[in-house]
PDB file of N, CA and C in Angstrom:
ATOM      1  N   MET A   1      30.022  25.706  -0.597  1.00  0.00           N
ATOM      2  CA  MET A   1      29.225  26.500   0.322  1.00  0.00           C
ATOM      3  C   MET A   1      27.860  25.810   0.696  1.00  0.00           C
ATOM      4  N   ILE A   2      27.255  25.399  -0.388  1.00  0.00           N
ATOM      5  CA  ILE A   2      25.913  24.719  -0.241  1.00  0.00           C
ATOM      6  C   ILE A   2      25.968  23.496   0.544  1.00  0.00           C
ATOM      7  N   THR A   3      27.111  22.658   0.345  1.00  0.00           N
ATOM      8  CA  THR A   3      27.276  21.474   1.116  1.00  0.00           C
ATOM      9  C   THR A   3      27.445  21.789   2.634  1.00  0.00           C
ATOM     10  N   LEU A   4      28.261  22.784   2.862  1.00  0.00           N
ATOM     11  CA  LEU A   4      28.521  23.207   4.257  1.00  0.00           C
ATOM     12  C   LEU A   4      27.149  23.560   4.984  1.00  0.00           C
ATOM     13  N   THR A   5      26.344  24.333   4.295  1.00  0.00           N
ATOM     14  CA  THR A   5      25.051  24.732   4.832  1.00  0.00           C
ATOM     15  C   THR A   5      24.197  23.471   4.981  1.00  0.00           C
ATOM     16  N   LEU A   6      24.191  22.599   4.214  1.00  0.00           N
ATOM     17  CA  LEU A   6      23.442  21.405   4.176  1.00  0.00           C
ATOM     18  C   LEU A   6      23.882  20.471   5.239  1.00  0.00           C
ATOM     19  N   PHE A   7      25.204  20.300   5.507  1.00  0.00           N
ATOM     20  CA  PHE A   7      25.600  19.442   6.550  1.00  0.00           C
ATOM     21  C   PHE A   7      25.369  20.286   7.895  1.00  0.00           C
ATOM     22  N   SER A   8      25.407  21.543   8.029  1.00  0.00           N
ATOM     23  CA  SER A   8      25.185  22.179   9.260  1.00  0.00           C
ATOM     24  C   SER A   8      23.687  22.040   9.584  1.00  0.00           C
ATOM     25  N   LEU A   9      22.783  22.164   8.663  1.00  0.00           N
ATOM     26  CA  LEU A   9      21.355  21.956   8.937  1.00  0.00           C
ATOM     27  C   LEU A   9      21.032  20.523   9.247  1.00  0.00           C
ATOM     28  N   LEU A  10      21.711  19.554   8.625  1.00  0.00           N
ATOM     29  CA  LEU A  10      21.471  18.194   9.007  1.00  0.00           C
ATOM     30  C   LEU A  10      22.023  17.829  10.359  1.00  0.00           C
ATOM     31  N   THR A  11      23.132  18.443  10.787  1.00  0.00           N
ATOM     32  CA  THR A  11      23.660  18.324  12.119  1.00  0.00           C
ATOM     33  C   THR A  11      22.686  18.778  13.161  1.00  0.00           C
ATOM     34  N   ILE A  12      22.023  19.923  12.953  1.00  0.00           N
ATOM     35  CA  ILE A  12      21.205  20.587  13.940  1.00  0.00           C
ATOM     36  C   ILE A  12      19.933  19.807  13.977  1.00  0.00           C
ATOM     37  N   ILE A  13      19.480  19.230  12.926  1.00  0.00           N
ATOM     38  CA  ILE A  13      18.281  18.401  12.829  1.00  0.00           C
ATOM     39  C   ILE A  13      18.533  17.111  13.665  1.00  0.00           C
ATOM     40  N   VAL A  14      19.569  16.474  13.373  1.00  0.00           N
ATOM     41  CA  VAL A  14      20.025  15.195  14.085  1.00  0.00           C
ATOM     42  C   VAL A  14      20.074  15.525  15.619  1.00  0.00           C
ATOM     43  N   CYS A  15      20.823  16.543  15.960  1.00  0.00           N
ATOM     44  CA  CYS A  15      21.001  16.931  17.420  1.00  0.00           C
ATOM     45  C   CYS A  15      19.526  17.173  18.108  1.00  0.00           C
ATOM     46  N   TYR A  16      18.728  17.850  17.390  1.00  0.00           N
ATOM     47  CA  TYR A  16      17.351  18.156  17.879  1.00  0.00           C
ATOM     48  C   TYR A  16      16.624  16.869  18.090  1.00  0.00           C
ATOM     49  N   ILE A  17      16.662  15.876  17.135  1.00  0.00           N
ATOM     50  CA  ILE A  17      16.040  14.665  17.299  1.00  0.00           C
ATOM     51  C   ILE A  17      16.477  13.786  18.378  1.00  0.00           C
ATOM     52  N   VAL A  18      17.894  13.768  18.574  1.00  0.00           N
ATOM     53  CA  VAL A  18      18.434  12.990  19.637  1.00  0.00           C
ATOM     54  C   VAL A  18      18.012  13.625  21.029  1.00  0.00           C
ATOM     55  N   MET A  19      18.084  14.883  21.174  1.00  0.00           N
ATOM     56  CA  MET A  19      17.805  15.579  22.482  1.00  0.00           C
ATOM     57  C   MET A  19      16.293  15.426  22.735  1.00  0.00           C
ATOM     58  N   THR A  20      15.443  15.378  21.739  1.00  0.00           N
ATOM     59  CA  THR A  20      13.988  15.148  21.934  1.00  0.00           C
ATOM     60  C   THR A  20      13.710  13.718  22.317  1.00  0.00           C
ATOM     61  N   LEU A  21      14.347  12.777  21.818  1.00  0.00           N
ATOM     62  CA  LEU A  21      14.191  11.303  22.190  1.00  0.00           C
ATOM     63  C   LEU A  21      14.788  11.142  23.529  1.00  0.00           C
ATOM     64  N   ALA A  22      15.894  11.744  23.893  1.00  0.00           N
ATOM     65  CA  ALA A  22      16.453  11.529  25.238  1.00  0.00           C
ATOM     66  C   ALA A  22      15.549  12.064  26.208  1.00  0.00           C
ATOM     67  N   SER A  23      14.895  13.259  25.994  1.00  0.00           N
ATOM     68  CA  SER A  23      14.026  13.892  26.828  1.00  0.00           C
ATOM     69  C   SER A  23      12.703  13.113  27.195  1.00  0.00           C
ATOM     70  N   VAL A  24      12.338  12.394  26.109  1.00  0.00           N
ATOM     71  CA  VAL A  24      11.033  11.626  26.137  1.00  0.00           C
ATOM     72  C   VAL A  24      11.293  10.221  26.888  1.00  0.00           C
ATOM     73  N   ILE A  25      12.444   9.655  26.597  1.00  0.00           N
ATOM     74  CA  ILE A  25      12.746   8.481  27.225  1.00  0.00           C
ATOM     75  C   ILE A  25      13.128   8.555  28.638  1.00  0.00           C
ATOM     76  N   SER A  26      13.827   9.649  28.968  1.00  0.00           N
ATOM     77  CA  SER A  26      14.187   9.760  30.344  1.00  0.00           C
ATOM     78  C   SER A  26      13.195  10.295  31.331  1.00  0.00           C
ATOM     79  N   LYS A  27      12.032  10.733  30.923  1.00  0.00           N
ATOM     80  CA  LYS A  27      11.071  11.351  31.839  1.00  0.00           C
ATOM     81  C   LYS A  27      10.534  10.219  32.804  1.00  0.00           C
ATOM     82  N   LYS A  28      10.320  10.535  33.987  1.00  0.00           N
ATOM     83  CA  LYS A  28       9.759   9.654  35.018  1.00  0.00           C
ATOM     84  C   LYS A  28       8.326   9.680  34.913  1.00  0.00           C
ATOM     85  N   THR A  29       7.533   8.756  34.746  1.00  0.00           N
ATOM     86  CA  THR A  29       6.065   8.791  34.473  1.00  0.00           C
ATOM     87  C   THR A  29       5.361   8.581  35.868  1.00  0.00           C
ATOM     88  N   ILE A  30       6.003   8.010  36.901  1.00  0.00           N
ATOM     89  CA  ILE A  30       5.274   7.761  38.070  1.00  0.00           C
ATOM     90  C   ILE A  30       5.694   8.912  39.093  1.00  0.00           C
ATOM     91  N   THR A  31       4.660   9.549  39.505  1.00  0.00           N
ATOM     92  CA  THR A  31       4.835  10.738  40.316  1.00  0.00           C
ATOM     93  C   THR A  31       4.500  10.146  41.782  1.00  0.00           C
ATOM     94  N   ASP A  32       5.378  10.574  42.734  1.00  0.00           N
ATOM     95  CA  ASP A  32       5.297  10.247  44.106  1.00  0.00           C
ATOM     96  C   ASP A  32       5.007  11.424  45.026  1.00  0.00           C
ATOM     97  N   ARG A  33       4.198  11.349  46.081  1.00  0.00           N
ATOM     98  CA  ARG A  33       3.983  12.426  46.938  1.00  0.00           C
ATOM     99  C   ARG A  33       5.245  12.843  47.631  1.00  0.00           C
ATOM    100  N   GLU A  34       6.071  11.760  48.048  1.00  0.00           N
ATOM    101  CA  GLU A  34       7.236  12.100  48.748  1.00  0.00           C
ATOM    102  C   GLU A  34       8.357  12.877  47.934  1.00  0.00           C
ATOM    103  N   LYS A  35       8.321  12.336  46.673  1.00  0.00           N
ATOM    104  CA  LYS A  35       9.396  12.948  45.758  1.00  0.00           C
ATOM    105  C   LYS A  35       8.985  14.409  45.311  1.00  0.00           C
ATOM    106  N   ASN A  36       7.664  14.595  45.354  1.00  0.00           N
ATOM    107  CA  ASN A  36       7.177  16.148  44.931  1.00  0.00           C
ATOM    108  C   ASN A  36       7.293  17.005  46.226  1.00  0.00           C
ATOM    109  N   SER A  37       7.535  16.495  47.433  1.00  0.00           N
ATOM    110  CA  SER A  37       7.583  17.348  48.675  1.00  0.00           C
ATOM    111  C   SER A  37       8.941  18.030  48.748  1.00  0.00           C
ATOM    112  N   PRO A  38       9.094  19.069  49.350  1.00  0.00           N
ATOM    113  CA  PRO A  38      10.372  19.902  49.409  1.00  0.00           C
ATOM    114  C   PRO A  38      11.484  19.044  50.171  1.00  0.00           C
ATOM    115  N   TYR A  39      11.009  18.103  51.103  1.00  0.00           N
ATOM    116  CA  TYR A  39      11.967  17.318  51.883  1.00  0.00           C
ATOM    117  C   TYR A  39      11.631  15.928  51.699  1.00  0.00           C
ATOM    118  N   GLU A  40      12.630  15.085  51.278  1.00  0.00           N
ATOM    119  CA  GLU A  40      12.425  13.731  51.005  1.00  0.00           C
ATOM    120  C   GLU A  40      12.763  12.789  52.209  1.00  0.00           C
ATOM    121  N   CYS A  41      12.800  13.313  53.396  1.00  0.00           N
ATOM    122  CA  CYS A  41      13.152  12.469  54.593  1.00  0.00           C
ATOM    123  C   CYS A  41      11.957  11.773  55.233  1.00  0.00           C
ATOM    124  N   GLY A  42      10.738  12.019  54.688  1.00  0.00           N
ATOM    125  CA  GLY A  42       9.570  11.284  55.149  1.00  0.00           C
ATOM    126  C   GLY A  42       8.777  12.125  56.086  1.00  0.00           C
ATOM    127  N   PHE A  43       9.345  13.194  56.682  1.00  0.00           N
ATOM    128  CA  PHE A  43       8.589  14.028  57.666  1.00  0.00           C
ATOM    129  C   PHE A  43       7.887  15.117  56.941  1.00  0.00           C
ATOM    130  N   ASP A  44       6.796  15.490  57.511  1.00  0.00           N
ATOM    131  CA  ASP A  44       6.186  16.677  57.037  1.00  0.00           C
ATOM    132  C   ASP A  44       6.847  17.899  57.506  1.00  0.00           C
ATOM    133  N   PRO A  45       7.045  18.870  56.602  1.00  0.00           N
ATOM    134  CA  PRO A  45       7.774  20.046  56.961  1.00  0.00           C
ATOM    135  C   PRO A  45       7.037  20.932  57.985  1.00  0.00           C
ATOM    136  N   LYS A  46       7.706  21.575  58.902  1.00  0.00           N
ATOM    137  CA  LYS A  46       7.037  22.398  59.885  1.00  0.00           C
ATOM    138  C   LYS A  46       6.600  23.724  59.287  1.00  0.00           C
ATOM    139  N   GLY A  47       7.384  24.307  58.352  1.00  0.00           N
ATOM    140  CA  GLY A  47       6.965  25.563  57.727  1.00  0.00           C
ATOM    141  C   GLY A  47       7.133  25.395  56.270  1.00  0.00           C
ATOM    142  N   SER A  48       7.019  26.680  55.645  1.00  0.00           N
ATOM    143  CA  SER A  48       7.069  26.671  54.143  1.00  0.00           C
ATOM    144  C   SER A  48       8.532  26.722  53.752  1.00  0.00           C
ATOM    145  N   ALA A  49       8.839  25.996  52.675  1.00  0.00           N
ATOM    146  CA  ALA A  49      10.225  25.986  52.206  1.00  0.00           C
ATOM    147  C   ALA A  49      10.537  27.192  51.310  1.00  0.00           C
ATOM    148  N   ARG A  50       9.439  28.041  51.080  1.00  0.00           N
ATOM    149  CA  ARG A  50       9.672  29.116  50.160  1.00  0.00           C
ATOM    150  C   ARG A  50       9.579  30.532  50.956  1.00  0.00           C
ATOM    151  N   PHE A  51      10.187  30.603  52.289  1.00  0.00           N
ATOM    152  CA  PHE A  51      10.148  31.853  52.879  1.00  0.00           C
ATOM    153  C   PHE A  51      11.298  32.703  52.219  1.00  0.00           C
ATOM    154  N   PRO A  52      11.116  34.077  52.544  1.00  0.00           N
ATOM    155  CA  PRO A  52      11.990  35.024  51.991  1.00  0.00           C
ATOM    156  C   PRO A  52      13.397  34.864  52.470  1.00  0.00           C
ATOM    157  N   PHE A  53      14.466  34.870  51.760  1.00  0.00           N
ATOM    158  CA  PHE A  53      15.770  34.633  52.099  1.00  0.00           C
ATOM    159  C   PHE A  53      16.425  36.000  52.585  1.00  0.00           C
ATOM    160  N   SER A  54      17.173  35.999  53.663  1.00  0.00           N
ATOM    161  CA  SER A  54      17.774  37.170  54.179  1.00  0.00           C
ATOM    162  C   SER A  54      18.827  37.742  53.154  1.00  0.00           C
ATOM    163  N   LEU A  55      18.557  38.976  52.688  1.00  0.00           N
ATOM    164  CA  LEU A  55      19.436  39.630  51.781  1.00  0.00           C
ATOM    165  C   LEU A  55      20.827  40.035  52.410  1.00  0.00           C
ATOM    166  N   ARG A  56      20.779  40.280  53.781  1.00  0.00           N
ATOM    167  CA  ARG A  56      22.073  40.551  54.436  1.00  0.00           C
ATOM    168  C   ARG A  56      23.007  39.293  54.439  1.00  0.00           C
ATOM    169  N   PHE A  57      22.393  38.203  54.750  1.00  0.00           N
ATOM    170  CA  PHE A  57      23.211  37.009  54.818  1.00  0.00           C
ATOM    171  C   PHE A  57      23.772  36.743  53.354  1.00  0.00           C
ATOM    172  N   PHE A  58      23.075  36.877  52.297  1.00  0.00           N
ATOM    173  CA  PHE A  58      23.545  36.764  50.968  1.00  0.00           C
ATOM    174  C   PHE A  58      24.645  37.688  50.659  1.00  0.00           C
ATOM    175  N   LEU A  59      24.526  39.011  51.151  1.00  0.00           N
ATOM    176  CA  LEU A  59      25.677  39.970  50.834  1.00  0.00           C
ATOM    177  C   LEU A  59      26.855  39.578  51.591  1.00  0.00           C
ATOM    178  N   ILE A  60      26.749  39.154  52.839  1.00  0.00           N
ATOM    179  CA  ILE A  60      27.814  38.749  53.568  1.00  0.00           C
ATOM    180  C   ILE A  60      28.512  37.512  52.895  1.00  0.00           C
ATOM    181  N   ALA A  61      27.771  36.579  52.416  1.00  0.00           N
ATOM    182  CA  ALA A  61      28.327  35.416  51.765  1.00  0.00           C
ATOM    183  C   ALA A  61      28.979  35.882  50.514  1.00  0.00           C
ATOM    184  N   VAL A  62      28.548  36.656  49.679  1.00  0.00           N
ATOM    185  CA  VAL A  62      29.204  37.115  48.441  1.00  0.00           C
ATOM    186  C   VAL A  62      30.415  37.868  48.772  1.00  0.00           C
ATOM    187  N   ILE A  63      30.477  38.723  49.827  1.00  0.00           N
ATOM    188  CA  ILE A  63      31.807  39.431  50.243  1.00  0.00           C
ATOM    189  C   ILE A  63      32.664  38.337  50.672  1.00  0.00           C
ATOM    190  N   PHE A  64      32.321  37.374  51.445  1.00  0.00           N
ATOM    191  CA  PHE A  64      33.359  36.263  51.838  1.00  0.00           C
ATOM    192  C   PHE A  64      33.866  35.655  50.680  1.00  0.00           C
ATOM    193  N   LEU A  65      33.090  35.248  49.668  1.00  0.00           N
ATOM    194  CA  LEU A  65      33.523  34.652  48.498  1.00  0.00           C
ATOM    195  C   LEU A  65      34.518  35.477  47.780  1.00  0.00           C
ATOM    196  N   ILE A  66      34.284  36.751  47.637  1.00  0.00           N
ATOM    197  CA  ILE A  66      35.135  37.682  46.920  1.00  0.00           C
ATOM    198  C   ILE A  66      36.490  37.721  47.696  1.00  0.00           C
ATOM    199  N   PHE A  67      36.553  37.751  49.004  1.00  0.00           N
ATOM    200  CA  PHE A  67      37.835  37.801  49.717  1.00  0.00           C
ATOM    201  C   PHE A  67      38.545  36.472  49.650  1.00  0.00           C
ATOM    202  N   ASP A  68      37.657  35.399  49.560  1.00  0.00           N
ATOM    203  CA  ASP A  68      38.230  34.016  49.460  1.00  0.00           C
ATOM    204  C   ASP A  68      39.021  33.888  48.088  1.00  0.00           C
ATOM    205  N   VAL A  69      38.331  34.321  47.065  1.00  0.00           N
ATOM    206  CA  VAL A  69      39.023  34.295  45.725  1.00  0.00           C
ATOM    207  C   VAL A  69      40.193  35.248  45.737  1.00  0.00           C
ATOM    208  N   GLU A  70      40.181  36.271  46.556  1.00  0.00           N
ATOM    209  CA  GLU A  70      41.343  37.078  46.577  1.00  0.00           C
ATOM    210  C   GLU A  70      42.563  36.463  47.147  1.00  0.00           C
ATOM    211  N   ILE A  71      42.380  35.708  48.095  1.00  0.00           N
ATOM    212  CA  ILE A  71      43.496  34.894  48.760  1.00  0.00           C
ATOM    213  C   ILE A  71      44.048  33.821  47.721  1.00  0.00           C
ATOM    214  N   THR A  72      43.146  33.334  47.008  1.00  0.00           N
ATOM    215  CA  THR A  72      43.619  32.306  45.997  1.00  0.00           C
ATOM    216  C   THR A  72      44.327  33.017  44.762  1.00  0.00           C
ATOM    217  N   LEU A  73      44.038  34.191  44.599  1.00  0.00           N
ATOM    218  CA  LEU A  73      44.723  34.966  43.568  1.00  0.00           C
ATOM    219  C   LEU A  73      46.042  35.504  44.074  1.00  0.00           C
ATOM    220  N   LEU A  74      46.161  35.796  45.374  1.00  0.00           N
ATOM    221  CA  LEU A  74      47.489  36.437  45.982  1.00  0.00           C
ATOM    222  C   LEU A  74      48.473  35.327  46.199  1.00  0.00           C
ATOM    223  N   LEU A  75      48.129  34.045  46.463  1.00  0.00           N
ATOM    224  CA  LEU A  75      49.084  33.120  46.634  1.00  0.00           C
ATOM    225  C   LEU A  75      50.115  32.831  45.558  1.00  0.00           C
ATOM    226  N   PRO A  76      49.685  32.843  44.373  1.00  0.00           N
ATOM    227  CA  PRO A  76      50.661  32.590  43.178  1.00  0.00           C
ATOM    228  C   PRO A  76      51.635  33.787  43.232  1.00  0.00           C
ATOM    229  N   LEU A  77      51.087  35.013  43.666  1.00  0.00           N
ATOM    230  CA  LEU A  77      51.967  36.221  43.574  1.00  0.00           C
ATOM    231  C   LEU A  77      53.112  36.066  44.499  1.00  0.00           C
ATOM    232  N   ALA A  78      52.985  35.386  45.492  1.00  0.00           N
ATOM    233  CA  ALA A  78      54.184  35.172  46.412  1.00  0.00           C
ATOM    234  C   ALA A  78      55.196  34.176  45.910  1.00  0.00           C
ATOM    235  N   SER A  79      54.719  33.236  45.065  1.00  0.00           N
ATOM    236  CA  SER A  79      55.618  32.150  44.608  1.00  0.00           C
ATOM    237  C   SER A  79      56.428  32.784  43.328  1.00  0.00           C
ATOM    238  N   ILE A  80      56.132  33.744  42.706  1.00  0.00           N
ATOM    239  CA  ILE A  80      56.749  34.311  41.614  1.00  0.00           C
ATOM    240  C   ILE A  80      57.754  35.483  41.913  1.00  0.00           C
ATOM    241  N   PHE A  81      57.856  35.651  43.234  1.00  0.00           N
ATOM    242  CA  PHE A  81      58.627  36.760  43.837  1.00  0.00           C
ATOM    243  C   PHE A  81      60.082  36.638  43.301  1.00  0.00           C
ATOM    244  N   ASN A  82      60.639  35.503  43.169  1.00  0.00           N
ATOM    245  CA  ASN A  82      62.161  35.351  42.766  1.00  0.00           C
ATOM    246  C   ASN A  82      62.343  35.480  41.294  1.00  0.00           C
ATOM    247  N   VAL A  83      61.322  35.225  40.404  1.00  0.00           N
ATOM    248  CA  VAL A  83      61.453  35.152  39.085  1.00  0.00           C
ATOM    249  C   VAL A  83      61.097  36.391  38.333  1.00  0.00           C
ATOM    250  N   THR A  84      60.435  37.262  39.049  1.00  0.00           N
ATOM    251  CA  THR A  84      60.047  38.609  38.305  1.00  0.00           C
ATOM    252  C   THR A  84      60.875  39.808  39.031  1.00  0.00           C
ATOM    253  N   ASN A  85      60.849  41.018  38.307  1.00  0.00           N
ATOM    254  CA  ASN A  85      61.487  42.049  38.878  1.00  0.00           C
ATOM    255  C   ASN A  85      60.679  42.664  39.938  1.00  0.00           C
ATOM    256  N   MET A  86      61.277  43.248  40.890  1.00  0.00           N
ATOM    257  CA  MET A  86      60.605  43.866  42.105  1.00  0.00           C
ATOM    258  C   MET A  86      59.584  44.862  41.883  1.00  0.00           C
ATOM    259  N   PHE A  87      59.790  45.660  40.944  1.00  0.00           N
ATOM    260  CA  PHE A  87      58.844  46.825  40.689  1.00  0.00           C
ATOM    261  C   PHE A  87      57.498  46.235  40.166  1.00  0.00           C
ATOM    262  N   SER A  88      57.557  45.314  39.092  1.00  0.00           N
ATOM    263  CA  SER A  88      56.371  44.734  38.599  1.00  0.00           C
ATOM    264  C   SER A  88      55.613  44.046  39.618  1.00  0.00           C
ATOM    265  N   TRP A  89      56.354  43.218  40.388  1.00  0.00           N
ATOM    266  CA  TRP A  89      55.665  42.373  41.442  1.00  0.00           C
ATOM    267  C   TRP A  89      54.974  43.227  42.437  1.00  0.00           C
ATOM    268  N   LEU A  90      55.675  44.325  42.950  1.00  0.00           N
ATOM    269  CA  LEU A  90      55.041  45.175  43.908  1.00  0.00           C
ATOM    270  C   LEU A  90      53.989  45.928  43.390  1.00  0.00           C
ATOM    271  N   SER A  91      54.059  46.419  42.135  1.00  0.00           N
ATOM    272  CA  SER A  91      52.941  47.233  41.592  1.00  0.00           C
ATOM    273  C   SER A  91      51.708  46.438  41.360  1.00  0.00           C
ATOM    274  N   THR A  92      51.982  45.172  40.891  1.00  0.00           N
ATOM    275  CA  THR A  92      50.809  44.252  40.766  1.00  0.00           C
ATOM    276  C   THR A  92      50.035  43.979  41.987  1.00  0.00           C
ATOM    277  N   GLY A  93      50.876  43.631  43.022  1.00  0.00           N
ATOM    278  CA  GLY A  93      50.288  43.210  44.289  1.00  0.00           C
ATOM    279  C   GLY A  93      49.580  44.379  44.960  1.00  0.00           C
ATOM    280  N   THR A  94      50.274  45.620  44.846  1.00  0.00           N
ATOM    281  CA  THR A  94      49.671  46.817  45.452  1.00  0.00           C
ATOM    282  C   THR A  94      48.396  47.249  44.731  1.00  0.00           C
ATOM    283  N   LEU A  95      48.386  47.163  43.466  1.00  0.00           N
ATOM    284  CA  LEU A  95      47.155  47.471  42.705  1.00  0.00           C
ATOM    285  C   LEU A  95      46.029  46.623  42.987  1.00  0.00           C
ATOM    286  N   PHE A  96      46.339  45.333  43.047  1.00  0.00           N
ATOM    287  CA  PHE A  96      45.331  44.329  43.419  1.00  0.00           C
ATOM    288  C   PHE A  96      44.674  44.610  44.655  1.00  0.00           C
ATOM    289  N   LEU A  97      45.575  44.787  45.714  1.00  0.00           N
ATOM    290  CA  LEU A  97      45.118  44.961  47.135  1.00  0.00           C
ATOM    291  C   LEU A  97      44.279  46.346  47.169  1.00  0.00           C
ATOM    292  N   LEU A  98      44.852  47.301  46.461  1.00  0.00           N
ATOM    293  CA  LEU A  98      44.142  48.633  46.570  1.00  0.00           C
ATOM    294  C   LEU A  98      42.752  48.538  46.000  1.00  0.00           C
ATOM    295  N   ILE A  99      42.544  47.790  44.891  1.00  0.00           N
ATOM    296  CA  ILE A  99      41.223  47.562  44.317  1.00  0.00           C
ATOM    297  C   ILE A  99      40.282  46.891  45.252  1.00  0.00           C
ATOM    298  N   LEU A 100      40.866  45.906  46.068  1.00  0.00           N
ATOM    299  CA  LEU A 100      39.995  45.214  47.037  1.00  0.00           C
ATOM    300  C   LEU A 100      39.783  45.968  48.234  1.00  0.00           C
ATOM    301  N   LEU A 101      40.649  46.803  48.655  1.00  0.00           N
ATOM    302  CA  LEU A 101      40.509  47.623  49.823  1.00  0.00           C
ATOM    303  C   LEU A 101      39.512  48.772  49.603  1.00  0.00           C
ATOM    304  N   ILE A 102      39.484  49.242  48.432  1.00  0.00           N
ATOM    305  CA  ILE A 102      38.451  50.298  47.954  1.00  0.00           C
ATOM    306  C   ILE A 102      37.107  49.677  47.860  1.00  0.00           C
ATOM    307  N   GLY A 103      36.899  48.444  47.484  1.00  0.00           N
ATOM    308  CA  GLY A 103      35.691  47.691  47.465  1.00  0.00           C
ATOM    309  C   GLY A 103      35.234  47.543  48.879  1.00  0.00           C
ATOM    310  N   LEU A 104      36.091  47.037  49.752  1.00  0.00           N
ATOM    311  CA  LEU A 104      35.804  46.793  51.064  1.00  0.00           C
ATOM    312  C   LEU A 104      35.325  48.024  51.793  1.00  0.00           C
ATOM    313  N   TYR A 105      36.071  49.141  51.575  1.00  0.00           N
ATOM    314  CA  TYR A 105      35.674  50.434  52.181  1.00  0.00           C
ATOM    315  C   TYR A 105      34.234  50.863  51.694  1.00  0.00           C
ATOM    316  N   TYR A 106      33.990  50.680  50.369  1.00  0.00           N
ATOM    317  CA  TYR A 106      32.630  50.990  49.833  1.00  0.00           C
ATOM    318  C   TYR A 106      31.511  50.071  50.504  1.00  0.00           C
ATOM    319  N   GLU A 107      31.836  48.866  50.648  1.00  0.00           N
ATOM    320  CA  GLU A 107      30.840  48.040  51.434  1.00  0.00           C
ATOM    321  C   GLU A 107      30.649  48.442  52.782  1.00  0.00           C
ATOM    322  N   TRP A 108      31.694  48.785  53.423  1.00  0.00           N
ATOM    323  CA  TRP A 108      31.531  49.272  54.781  1.00  0.00           C
ATOM    324  C   TRP A 108      30.825  50.544  54.884  1.00  0.00           C
ATOM    325  N   ALA A 109      31.054  51.484  54.009  1.00  0.00           N
ATOM    326  CA  ALA A 109      30.330  52.716  54.042  1.00  0.00           C
ATOM    327  C   ALA A 109      28.914  52.531  53.697  1.00  0.00           C
ATOM    328  N   GLN A 110      28.499  51.548  52.867  1.00  0.00           N
ATOM    329  CA  GLN A 110      27.104  51.397  52.520  1.00  0.00           C
ATOM    330  C   GLN A 110      26.483  50.625  53.664  1.00  0.00           C
ATOM    331  N   GLY A 111      27.099  50.008  54.558  1.00  0.00           N
ATOM    332  CA  GLY A 111      26.603  49.406  55.841  1.00  0.00           C
ATOM    333  C   GLY A 111      26.269  47.861  55.471  1.00  0.00           C
ATOM    334  N   ALA A 112      26.878  47.346  54.432  1.00  0.00           N
ATOM    335  CA  ALA A 112      26.651  45.936  54.202  1.00  0.00           C
ATOM    336  C   ALA A 112      27.340  44.983  55.099  1.00  0.00           C
ATOM    337  N   LEU A 113      28.215  45.516  55.831  1.00  0.00           N
ATOM    338  CA  LEU A 113      28.981  44.617  56.783  1.00  0.00           C
ATOM    339  C   LEU A 113      28.438  44.544  58.189  1.00  0.00           C
ATOM    340  N   GLU A 114      27.274  45.220  58.388  1.00  0.00           N
ATOM    341  CA  GLU A 114      26.611  45.249  59.725  1.00  0.00           C
ATOM    342  C   GLU A 114      25.499  44.249  59.641  1.00  0.00           C
ATOM    343  N   TRP A 115      25.432  43.420  60.738  1.00  0.00           N
ATOM    344  CA  TRP A 115      24.397  42.354  60.888  1.00  0.00           C
ATOM    345  C   TRP A 115      23.004  43.024  61.241  1.00  0.00           C
ATOM    346  N   SER A 116      23.130  44.032  62.026  1.00  0.00           N
ATOM    347  CA  SER A 116      21.784  44.653  62.430  1.00  0.00           C
ATOM    348  C   SER A 116      21.904  46.148  62.346  1.00  0.00           C
ATOM    349  N   LYS A 117      20.787  46.921  62.134  1.00  0.00           N
ATOM    350  CA  LYS A 117      20.877  48.251  62.034  1.00  0.00           C
ATOM    351  C   LYS A 117      20.061  48.849  63.274  1.00  0.00           C
TER     352      LYS A 117
END
């Protein structure tokens, strides 16, 4: 038990030393004005790179990703149609689509699918 604790402690110490050395060795010491700017193309930016992001666009993007993942989860369901019994296949597909449709209706009722109010 003592040797296991000793080896674990030694492993943690060696990992910490290796990570610290890698961090010190890999640091870039020369700073460049172009590298510190938000755009590296050489042109001065016309506006700030830190302006507020539209929350509506973010919500639409997340909803799109959810339904995109839904399609990738439904495609294997069609390929196992012949190897499974009909009731389990139909109940799984219906339950999955019902959960997604309830989520879509909730988003619609909350107004997240409208671009402008």
